[in-house]
Amino acid sequence: EELLCLRAVPEERLDRVCLDDHLLELSLVFTDWQGVSPFLGLSETEEEEIEKHHSARRQRINVLRTWQAKFGHRGTYRRLSEALWRAQRVHLIDKLCSLLT
């Protein structure tokens, strides 16, 4: 049952590193980034830097960019979906799947 929608996503797409191609679309639904950031492995300092941006939209984009920069080649769509699963944000996984299929 875990991450069922990911079965429809080709393996090579799940293991892609770059989030930039879907960054704006993901940021639109990433409204609860503060609740997800601990599962992404972001530090308090990184969260504080993100919060300095006054725009909620910029915060949502920057949390994804910070995560990608921190994990580099390990920051794949698969890892992002696993973090979202741990954070119990299935609706975000569904959005991610719809972007990748």
N, C-alpha and C. Protein backbone atom coordinates (compact mmCIF):
# COMPACT_ATOMS: atom_id res chain seq x y z
N GLU A 1 0.82 -1.19 0.00
CA GLU A 1 0.00 0.00 0.00
C GLU A 1 0.86 1.26 0.00
N GLU A 2 2.03 1.17 0.58
CA GLU A 2 2.90 2.34 0.69
C GLU A 2 3.29 2.87 -0.68
N LEU A 3 2.97 4.14 -0.92
CA LEU A 3 3.35 4.83 -2.14
C LEU A 3 2.87 4.13 -3.41
N LEU A 4 1.63 3.68 -3.41
CA LEU A 4 1.09 2.96 -4.56
C LEU A 4 1.17 3.74 -5.85
N CYS A 5 0.93 5.04 -5.79
CA CYS A 5 0.94 5.82 -7.02
C CYS A 5 2.33 5.84 -7.66
N LEU A 6 3.36 5.59 -6.87
CA LEU A 6 4.72 5.60 -7.42
C LEU A 6 4.96 4.43 -8.38
N ARG A 7 4.15 3.40 -8.30
CA ARG A 7 4.32 2.27 -9.21
C ARG A 7 4.08 2.67 -10.66
N ALA A 8 3.30 3.71 -10.87
CA ALA A 8 3.01 4.18 -12.22
C ALA A 8 4.13 5.04 -12.79
N VAL A 9 5.06 5.43 -11.94
CA VAL A 9 6.16 6.31 -12.38
C VAL A 9 7.34 5.44 -12.81
N PRO A 10 7.87 5.67 -14.01
CA PRO A 10 9.05 4.90 -14.45
C PRO A 10 10.22 5.08 -13.48
N GLU A 11 10.93 3.99 -13.23
CA GLU A 11 12.05 3.99 -12.28
C GLU A 11 13.06 5.09 -12.58
N GLU A 12 13.37 5.28 -13.86
CA GLU A 12 14.38 6.28 -14.21
C GLU A 12 13.93 7.70 -13.86
N ARG A 13 12.64 7.93 -13.84
CA ARG A 13 12.14 9.25 -13.45
C ARG A 13 12.20 9.42 -11.94
N LEU A 14 11.90 8.36 -11.20
CA LEU A 14 11.96 8.43 -9.74
C LEU A 14 13.37 8.69 -9.25
N ASP A 15 14.33 8.17 -9.97
CA ASP A 15 15.72 8.30 -9.54
C ASP A 15 16.42 9.53 -10.13
N ARG A 16 15.66 10.39 -10.78
CA ARG A 16 16.22 11.65 -11.26
C ARG A 16 16.50 12.56 -10.08
N VAL A 17 17.51 13.39 -10.23
CA VAL A 17 17.94 14.25 -9.15
C VAL A 17 17.27 15.61 -9.19
N CYS A 18 17.18 16.22 -10.32
CA CYS A 18 16.79 17.61 -10.42
C CYS A 18 15.30 17.82 -10.13
N LEU A 19 15.03 18.74 -9.24
CA LEU A 19 13.65 19.11 -8.94
C LEU A 19 13.22 20.33 -9.74
N ASP A 20 14.17 21.02 -10.36
CA ASP A 20 13.86 22.29 -11.00
C ASP A 20 12.78 22.19 -12.07
N ASP A 21 12.70 21.05 -12.74
CA ASP A 21 11.70 20.94 -13.80
C ASP A 21 10.27 20.96 -13.28
N HIS A 22 10.07 20.64 -12.00
CA HIS A 22 8.73 20.64 -11.42
C HIS A 22 8.66 21.51 -10.16
N LEU A 23 9.65 22.32 -9.97
CA LEU A 23 9.74 23.10 -8.73
C LEU A 23 8.53 24.00 -8.50
N LEU A 24 8.12 24.74 -9.51
CA LEU A 24 6.99 25.65 -9.34
C LEU A 24 5.70 24.90 -9.06
N GLU A 25 5.46 23.80 -9.80
CA GLU A 25 4.25 23.03 -9.58
C GLU A 25 4.21 22.43 -8.19
N LEU A 26 5.35 21.89 -7.74
CA LEU A 26 5.41 21.31 -6.40
C LEU A 26 5.23 22.38 -5.33
N SER A 27 5.80 23.54 -5.55
CA SER A 27 5.72 24.58 -4.53
C SER A 27 4.28 25.06 -4.33
N LEU A 28 3.45 24.94 -5.33
CA LEU A 28 2.06 25.35 -5.20
C LEU A 28 1.29 24.52 -4.17
N VAL A 29 1.67 23.26 -4.04
CA VAL A 29 0.96 22.38 -3.10
C VAL A 29 1.76 22.14 -1.82
N PHE A 30 2.95 22.69 -1.74
CA PHE A 30 3.84 22.46 -0.61
C PHE A 30 3.59 23.49 0.49
N THR A 31 2.34 23.69 0.83
CA THR A 31 1.95 24.76 1.74
C THR A 31 2.37 24.51 3.19
N ASP A 32 2.52 23.26 3.58
CA ASP A 32 2.87 22.92 4.96
C ASP A 32 4.34 22.52 5.05
N TRP A 33 5.21 23.33 4.47
CA TRP A 33 6.62 22.93 4.42
C TRP A 33 7.24 22.84 5.81
N GLN A 34 6.76 23.64 6.77
CA GLN A 34 7.31 23.56 8.13
C GLN A 34 7.05 22.20 8.77
N GLY A 35 5.92 21.59 8.43
CA GLY A 35 5.60 20.27 8.96
C GLY A 35 6.36 19.14 8.27
N VAL A 36 6.85 19.43 7.09
CA VAL A 36 7.56 18.42 6.31
C VAL A 36 9.08 18.53 6.47
N SER A 37 9.57 19.74 6.72
CA SER A 37 11.02 19.96 6.73
C SER A 37 11.80 19.04 7.68
N PRO A 38 11.28 18.69 8.86
CA PRO A 38 12.05 17.74 9.69
C PRO A 38 12.25 16.38 9.01
N PHE A 39 11.30 15.99 8.19
CA PHE A 39 11.40 14.71 7.49
C PHE A 39 12.31 14.81 6.28
N LEU A 40 12.56 16.03 5.84
CA LEU A 40 13.49 16.25 4.73
C LEU A 40 14.93 16.31 5.22
N GLY A 41 15.11 16.38 6.52
CA GLY A 41 16.46 16.43 7.09
C GLY A 41 17.05 17.82 7.12
N LEU A 42 16.20 18.84 7.10
CA LEU A 42 16.70 20.21 7.17
C LEU A 42 16.95 20.60 8.62
N SER A 43 17.99 21.36 8.83
CA SER A 43 18.34 21.80 10.18
C SER A 43 17.51 23.01 10.57
N GLU A 44 17.54 23.35 11.84
CA GLU A 44 16.84 24.55 12.31
C GLU A 44 17.39 25.80 11.65
N THR A 45 18.69 25.83 11.46
CA THR A 45 19.33 26.98 10.81
C THR A 45 18.82 27.12 9.38
N GLU A 46 18.72 26.01 8.67
CA GLU A 46 18.22 26.05 7.29
C GLU A 46 16.76 26.51 7.27
N GLU A 47 15.97 26.03 8.22
CA GLU A 47 14.58 26.46 8.31
C GLU A 47 14.48 27.96 8.59
N GLU A 48 15.33 28.45 9.47
CA GLU A 48 15.32 29.88 9.80
C GLU A 48 15.68 30.72 8.58
N GLU A 49 16.64 30.25 7.79
CA GLU A 49 17.00 30.96 6.56
C GLU A 49 15.82 31.01 5.59
N ILE A 50 15.11 29.92 5.49
CA ILE A 50 13.95 29.86 4.60
C ILE A 50 12.86 30.81 5.08
N GLU A 51 12.65 30.86 6.39
CA GLU A 51 11.61 31.71 6.96
C GLU A 51 11.89 33.20 6.79
N LYS A 52 13.12 33.57 6.50
CA LYS A 52 13.46 34.98 6.30
C LYS A 52 12.77 35.56 5.07
N HIS A 53 12.39 34.70 4.15
CA HIS A 53 11.70 35.16 2.95
C HIS A 53 10.25 35.46 3.34
N HIS A 54 9.82 36.64 3.06
CA HIS A 54 8.49 37.07 3.49
C HIS A 54 7.37 36.41 2.70
N SER A 55 7.62 36.11 1.48
CA SER A 55 6.60 35.51 0.63
C SER A 55 6.48 34.01 0.94
N ALA A 56 5.26 33.56 1.16
CA ALA A 56 5.02 32.13 1.40
C ALA A 56 5.44 31.32 0.18
N ARG A 57 5.22 31.88 -0.99
CA ARG A 57 5.60 31.19 -2.23
C ARG A 57 7.12 30.99 -2.28
N ARG A 58 7.88 32.02 -1.94
CA ARG A 58 9.34 31.91 -1.94
C ARG A 58 9.81 30.90 -0.89
N GLN A 59 9.14 30.86 0.25
CA GLN A 59 9.50 29.88 1.27
C GLN A 59 9.32 28.47 0.73
N ARG A 60 8.20 28.23 0.07
CA ARG A 60 7.93 26.88 -0.45
C ARG A 60 8.95 26.49 -1.52
N ILE A 61 9.31 27.42 -2.36
CA ILE A 61 10.32 27.13 -3.38
C ILE A 61 11.68 26.90 -2.73
N ASN A 62 12.02 27.74 -1.77
CA ASN A 62 13.35 27.64 -1.14
C ASN A 62 13.52 26.40 -0.29
N VAL A 63 12.46 25.89 0.30
CA VAL A 63 12.62 24.65 1.07
C VAL A 63 12.99 23.51 0.13
N LEU A 64 12.40 23.47 -1.05
CA LEU A 64 12.74 22.44 -2.02
C LEU A 64 14.15 22.65 -2.57
N ARG A 65 14.52 23.88 -2.84
CA ARG A 65 15.87 24.16 -3.34
C ARG A 65 16.93 23.85 -2.28
N THR A 66 16.64 24.18 -1.03
CA THR A 66 17.58 23.90 0.06
C THR A 66 17.77 22.40 0.21
N TRP A 67 16.68 21.67 0.17
CA TRP A 67 16.76 20.21 0.27
C TRP A 67 17.59 19.64 -0.87
N GLN A 68 17.34 20.11 -2.08
CA GLN A 68 18.07 19.61 -3.25
C GLN A 68 19.55 19.94 -3.13
N ALA A 69 19.87 21.16 -2.72
CA ALA A 69 21.28 21.55 -2.59
C ALA A 69 21.99 20.75 -1.51
N LYS A 70 21.28 20.47 -0.44
CA LYS A 70 21.89 19.74 0.68
C LYS A 70 22.21 18.30 0.31
N PHE A 71 21.33 17.67 -0.44
CA PHE A 71 21.50 16.24 -0.71
C PHE A 71 22.05 15.94 -2.09
N GLY A 72 22.11 16.94 -2.95
CA GLY A 72 22.75 16.75 -4.26
C GLY A 72 22.25 15.53 -5.00
N HIS A 73 23.16 14.66 -5.39
CA HIS A 73 22.79 13.48 -6.19
C HIS A 73 21.92 12.49 -5.42
N ARG A 74 21.87 12.63 -4.09
CA ARG A 74 21.00 11.75 -3.29
C ARG A 74 19.59 12.33 -3.16
N GLY A 75 19.39 13.55 -3.63
CA GLY A 75 18.10 14.20 -3.54
C GLY A 75 17.20 13.87 -4.71
N THR A 76 16.76 12.63 -4.77
CA THR A 76 15.95 12.17 -5.89
C THR A 76 14.46 12.31 -5.58
N TYR A 77 13.66 12.16 -6.61
CA TYR A 77 12.21 12.16 -6.41
C TYR A 77 11.79 11.03 -5.47
N ARG A 78 12.47 9.90 -5.58
CA ARG A 78 12.16 8.77 -4.70
C ARG A 78 12.38 9.16 -3.24
N ARG A 79 13.51 9.80 -2.94
CA ARG A 79 13.81 10.21 -1.56
C ARG A 79 12.82 11.26 -1.08
N LEU A 80 12.43 12.17 -1.97
CA LEU A 80 11.44 13.17 -1.61
C LEU A 80 10.11 12.50 -1.27
N SER A 81 9.69 11.54 -2.09
CA SER A 81 8.42 10.87 -1.82
C SER A 81 8.48 10.07 -0.52
N GLU A 82 9.63 9.48 -0.21
CA GLU A 82 9.77 8.74 1.05
C GLU A 82 9.66 9.70 2.25
N ALA A 83 10.26 10.87 2.13
CA ALA A 83 10.16 11.87 3.21
C ALA A 83 8.72 12.33 3.37
N LEU A 84 8.03 12.54 2.26
CA LEU A 84 6.63 12.96 2.32
C LEU A 84 5.76 11.87 2.94
N TRP A 85 6.09 10.62 2.67
CA TRP A 85 5.35 9.51 3.27
C TRP A 85 5.53 9.50 4.79
N ARG A 86 6.77 9.68 5.24
CA ARG A 86 7.05 9.72 6.68
C ARG A 86 6.33 10.90 7.34
N ALA A 87 6.19 11.99 6.60
CA ALA A 87 5.51 13.17 7.12
C ALA A 87 3.99 13.07 6.97
N GLN A 88 3.53 11.95 6.43
CA GLN A 88 2.09 11.69 6.23
C GLN A 88 1.44 12.74 5.33
N ARG A 89 2.13 13.08 4.25
CA ARG A 89 1.61 14.05 3.28
C ARG A 89 1.34 13.34 1.95
N VAL A 90 0.40 12.41 2.00
CA VAL A 90 0.09 11.59 0.83
C VAL A 90 -0.40 12.44 -0.33
N HIS A 91 -1.13 13.52 -0.05
CA HIS A 91 -1.61 14.37 -1.14
C HIS A 91 -0.45 14.99 -1.92
N LEU A 92 0.67 15.23 -1.26
CA LEU A 92 1.84 15.74 -1.96
C LEU A 92 2.51 14.66 -2.81
N ILE A 93 2.48 13.44 -2.32
CA ILE A 93 3.01 12.32 -3.11
C ILE A 93 2.16 12.15 -4.36
N ASP A 94 0.84 12.24 -4.21
CA ASP A 94 -0.05 12.13 -5.37
C ASP A 94 0.27 13.21 -6.40
N LYS A 95 0.52 14.43 -5.94
CA LYS A 95 0.86 15.53 -6.86
C LYS A 95 2.19 15.24 -7.53
N LEU A 96 3.15 14.77 -6.77
CA LEU A 96 4.45 14.42 -7.34
C LEU A 96 4.29 13.35 -8.41
N CYS A 97 3.52 12.34 -8.13
CA CYS A 97 3.27 11.26 -9.10
C CYS A 97 2.62 11.80 -10.37
N SER A 98 1.67 12.68 -10.20
CA SER A 98 0.99 13.21 -11.38
C SER A 98 1.94 14.05 -12.23
N LEU A 99 2.93 14.67 -11.62
CA LEU A 99 3.91 15.44 -12.37
C LEU A 99 4.89 14.54 -13.12
N LEU A 100 5.14 13.38 -12.55
CA LEU A 100 6.17 12.48 -13.13
C LEU A 100 5.62 11.47 -14.12
N THR A 101 4.32 11.28 -14.16
CA THR A 101 3.77 10.28 -15.10
C THR A 101 3.25 10.92 -16.36
